[in-house]
Amino acid sequence: MKAIAWFVRLIFFAVVLWFALKNTTPVPLRLTEMLYWDDVPLIVVMLACVLIGVAAGTIALAPRLFALRRQVAALRRQTERTAPADAAAERLADQVASAARNVGAVGELDADTRFPR
């Protein structure tokens, strides 16, 4: 799956680079009335727009990413807390079944002592 993701990224980069290299003519870039440049290569403008878009997408996804990471950490902590309790409950069930077998109170039990044959 990671290889596919890297392949898609590589294809995207190649397409953007090819498109930018085909459009190298100088263009005027006007940000405001006072802030402008007359002969900026179009490749610079296009790549800057792509980088700004990537940055905006990353910033937009960051809160969701951090929330999901917090949720994963909380679920891992919960699993770590309940795993020893589950193991202790299984050990107790095994001890009860063993004690019942020793006193002859239980007939045949298969490997899983919770379900008789």
C-alpha atoms as a PDB file:
ATOM      1  CA  MET A   1       0.000   0.000   0.000  1.00  0.00           C
ATOM      2  CA  LYS A   2       2.874   2.357   0.784  1.00  0.00           C
ATOM      3  CA  ALA A   3       4.400   1.618  -2.606  1.00  0.00           C
ATOM      4  CA  ILE A   4       1.150   2.606  -4.306  1.00  0.00           C
ATOM      5  CA  ALA A   5       1.006   5.859  -2.317  1.00  0.00           C
ATOM      6  CA  TRP A   6       4.579   6.725  -3.280  1.00  0.00           C
ATOM      7  CA  PHE A   7       3.827   5.861  -6.911  1.00  0.00           C
ATOM      8  CA  VAL A   8       0.829   8.226  -6.910  1.00  0.00           C
ATOM      9  CA  ARG A   9       2.975  10.973  -5.355  1.00  0.00           C
ATOM     10  CA  LEU A  10       5.656  10.439  -7.967  1.00  0.00           C
ATOM     11  CA  ILE A  11       3.121  10.604 -10.795  1.00  0.00           C
ATOM     12  CA  PHE A  12       1.609  13.803  -9.343  1.00  0.00           C
ATOM     13  CA  PHE A  13       5.042  15.382  -9.028  1.00  0.00           C
ATOM     14  CA  ALA A  14       5.995  14.377 -12.584  1.00  0.00           C
ATOM     15  CA  VAL A  15       2.777  15.801 -14.054  1.00  0.00           C
ATOM     16  CA  VAL A  16       3.140  19.097 -12.183  1.00  0.00           C
ATOM     17  CA  LEU A  17       6.806  19.376 -13.148  1.00  0.00           C
ATOM     18  CA  TRP A  18       6.088  18.572 -16.815  1.00  0.00           C
ATOM     19  CA  PHE A  19       3.251  21.089 -16.930  1.00  0.00           C
ATOM     20  CA  ALA A  20       5.405  23.722 -15.267  1.00  0.00           C
ATOM     21  CA  LEU A  21       8.340  23.156 -17.614  1.00  0.00           C
ATOM     22  CA  LYS A  22       6.036  23.593 -20.616  1.00  0.00           C
ATOM     23  CA  ASN A  23       4.953  27.002 -19.252  1.00  0.00           C
ATOM     24  CA  THR A  24       8.155  28.958 -18.642  1.00  0.00           C
ATOM     25  CA  THR A  25       7.157  32.244 -20.231  1.00  0.00           C
ATOM     26  CA  PRO A  26       7.524  35.331 -18.029  1.00  0.00           C
ATOM     27  CA  VAL A  27       4.287  36.665 -16.592  1.00  0.00           C
ATOM     28  CA  PRO A  28       3.436  39.692 -14.470  1.00  0.00           C
ATOM     29  CA  LEU A  29       2.593  38.796 -10.880  1.00  0.00           C
ATOM     30  CA  ARG A  30       0.519  41.359  -9.028  1.00  0.00           C
ATOM     31  CA  LEU A  31      -0.344  40.657  -5.411  1.00  0.00           C
ATOM     32  CA  THR A  32      -1.467  44.178  -4.521  1.00  0.00           C
ATOM     33  CA  GLU A  33      -1.344  47.628  -6.083  1.00  0.00           C
ATOM     34  CA  MET A  34       2.079  48.225  -4.562  1.00  0.00           C
ATOM     35  CA  LEU A  35       3.449  44.677  -4.517  1.00  0.00           C
ATOM     36  CA  TYR A  36       4.071  43.261  -7.979  1.00  0.00           C
ATOM     37  CA  TRP A  37       6.740  41.733 -10.202  1.00  0.00           C
ATOM     38  CA  ASP A  38       6.800  42.140 -13.961  1.00  0.00           C
ATOM     39  CA  ASP A  39       8.744  39.145 -15.308  1.00  0.00           C
ATOM     40  CA  VAL A  40       8.243  36.110 -13.095  1.00  0.00           C
ATOM     41  CA  PRO A  41       8.555  32.731 -14.838  1.00  0.00           C
ATOM     42  CA  LEU A  42       5.215  30.961 -14.871  1.00  0.00           C
ATOM     43  CA  ILE A  43       6.924  27.814 -13.541  1.00  0.00           C
ATOM     44  CA  VAL A  44       7.710  29.657 -10.291  1.00  0.00           C
ATOM     45  CA  VAL A  45       4.123  30.854  -9.933  1.00  0.00           C
ATOM     46  CA  MET A  46       2.700  27.383 -10.574  1.00  0.00           C
ATOM     47  CA  LEU A  47       5.053  25.559  -8.211  1.00  0.00           C
ATOM     48  CA  ALA A  48       4.440  28.182  -5.517  1.00  0.00           C
ATOM     49  CA  CYS A  49       0.685  27.623  -5.904  1.00  0.00           C
ATOM     50  CA  VAL A  50       1.132  23.849  -5.566  1.00  0.00           C
ATOM     51  CA  LEU A  51       3.265  24.289  -2.438  1.00  0.00           C
ATOM     52  CA  ILE A  52       0.727  26.700  -0.939  1.00  0.00           C
ATOM     53  CA  GLY A  53      -2.042  24.182  -1.675  1.00  0.00           C
ATOM     54  CA  VAL A  54      -0.105  21.361  -0.036  1.00  0.00           C
ATOM     55  CA  ALA A  55       0.552  23.538   3.023  1.00  0.00           C
ATOM     56  CA  ALA A  56      -3.129  24.547   3.234  1.00  0.00           C
ATOM     57  CA  GLY A  57      -4.229  20.899   2.978  1.00  0.00           C
ATOM     58  CA  THR A  58      -1.777  19.847   5.669  1.00  0.00           C
ATOM     59  CA  ILE A  59      -2.952  22.603   7.992  1.00  0.00           C
ATOM     60  CA  ALA A  60      -6.590  21.692   7.314  1.00  0.00           C
ATOM     61  CA  LEU A  61      -5.982  17.997   8.135  1.00  0.00           C
ATOM     62  CA  ALA A  62      -3.773  18.552  11.192  1.00  0.00           C
ATOM     63  CA  PRO A  63      -6.564  18.872  13.815  1.00  0.00           C
ATOM     64  CA  ARG A  64      -8.260  15.670  12.608  1.00  0.00           C
ATOM     65  CA  LEU A  65      -4.922  13.837  12.531  1.00  0.00           C
ATOM     66  CA  PHE A  66      -4.078  14.866  16.086  1.00  0.00           C
ATOM     67  CA  ALA A  67      -7.575  13.913  17.298  1.00  0.00           C
ATOM     68  CA  LEU A  68      -7.234  10.455  15.721  1.00  0.00           C
ATOM     69  CA  ARG A  69      -3.797   9.989  17.291  1.00  0.00           C
ATOM     70  CA  ARG A  70      -5.198  10.897  20.721  1.00  0.00           C
ATOM     71  CA  GLN A  71      -8.046   8.420  20.187  1.00  0.00           C
ATOM     72  CA  VAL A  72      -5.618   5.639  19.201  1.00  0.00           C
ATOM     73  CA  ALA A  73      -3.460   6.350  22.274  1.00  0.00           C
ATOM     74  CA  ALA A  74      -6.529   6.240  24.544  1.00  0.00           C
ATOM     75  CA  LEU A  75      -7.688   2.940  23.025  1.00  0.00           C
ATOM     76  CA  ARG A  76      -4.201   1.452  23.472  1.00  0.00           C
ATOM     77  CA  ARG A  77      -4.148   2.517  27.132  1.00  0.00           C
ATOM     78  CA  GLN A  78      -7.613   1.000  27.610  1.00  0.00           C
ATOM     79  CA  THR A  79      -6.492  -2.254  25.983  1.00  0.00           C
ATOM     80  CA  GLU A  80      -3.400  -2.415  28.184  1.00  0.00           C
ATOM     81  CA  ARG A  81      -5.547  -1.950  31.291  1.00  0.00           C
ATOM     82  CA  THR A  82      -8.119  -4.593  30.357  1.00  0.00           C
ATOM     83  CA  ALA A  83      -5.687  -7.212  29.013  1.00  0.00           C
ATOM     84  CA  PRO A  84      -4.275  -8.132  32.456  1.00  0.00           C
ATOM     85  CA  ALA A  85      -7.807  -8.290  33.878  1.00  0.00           C
ATOM     86  CA  ASP A  86      -8.889 -10.639  31.079  1.00  0.00           C
ATOM     87  CA  ALA A  87      -5.816 -12.809  31.630  1.00  0.00           C
ATOM     88  CA  ALA A  88      -6.524 -12.929  35.377  1.00  0.00           C
ATOM     89  CA  ALA A  89     -10.144 -13.918  34.702  1.00  0.00           C
ATOM     90  CA  GLU A  90      -8.986 -16.731  32.401  1.00  0.00           C
ATOM     91  CA  ARG A  91      -6.497 -17.968  34.999  1.00  0.00           C
ATOM     92  CA  LEU A  92      -9.239 -17.946  37.638  1.00  0.00           C
ATOM     93  CA  ALA A  93     -11.582 -19.889  35.330  1.00  0.00           C
ATOM     94  CA  ASP A  94      -8.822 -22.432  34.681  1.00  0.00           C
ATOM     95  CA  GLN A  95      -8.194 -22.789  38.438  1.00  0.00           C
ATOM     96  CA  VAL A  96     -11.908 -23.276  39.125  1.00  0.00           C
ATOM     97  CA  ALA A  97     -12.157 -25.891  36.374  1.00  0.00           C
ATOM     98  CA  SER A  98      -9.046 -27.657  37.671  1.00  0.00           C
ATOM     99  CA  ALA A  99     -10.402 -27.672  41.197  1.00  0.00           C
ATOM    100  CA  ALA A 100     -13.746 -29.018  39.960  1.00  0.00           C
ATOM    101  CA  ARG A 101     -11.955 -31.808  38.075  1.00  0.00           C
ATOM    102  CA  ASN A 102      -9.904 -32.685  41.150  1.00  0.00           C
ATOM    103  CA  VAL A 103     -12.978 -33.165  43.328  1.00  0.00           C
ATOM    104  CA  GLY A 104     -14.792 -35.082  40.601  1.00  0.00           C
ATOM    105  CA  ALA A 105     -17.585 -32.578  40.190  1.00  0.00           C
ATOM    106  CA  VAL A 106     -17.080 -32.168  36.456  1.00  0.00           C
ATOM    107  CA  GLY A 107     -17.245 -34.795  33.770  1.00  0.00           C
ATOM    108  CA  GLU A 108     -15.368 -34.509  30.505  1.00  0.00           C
ATOM    109  CA  LEU A 109     -14.289 -31.020  29.463  1.00  0.00           C
ATOM    110  CA  ASP A 110     -12.467 -30.176  26.295  1.00  0.00           C
ATOM    111  CA  ALA A 111      -9.543 -27.761  26.060  1.00  0.00           C
ATOM    112  CA  ASP A 112     -11.739 -24.694  26.492  1.00  0.00           C
ATOM    113  CA  THR A 113     -13.090 -25.211  29.996  1.00  0.00           C
ATOM    114  CA  ARG A 114     -15.981 -22.835  29.543  1.00  0.00           C
ATOM    115  CA  PHE A 115     -17.875 -25.080  27.109  1.00  0.00           C
ATOM    116  CA  PRO A 116     -18.527 -28.750  28.047  1.00  0.00           C
ATOM    117  CA  ARG A 117     -18.703 -31.352  25.268  1.00  0.00           C
END
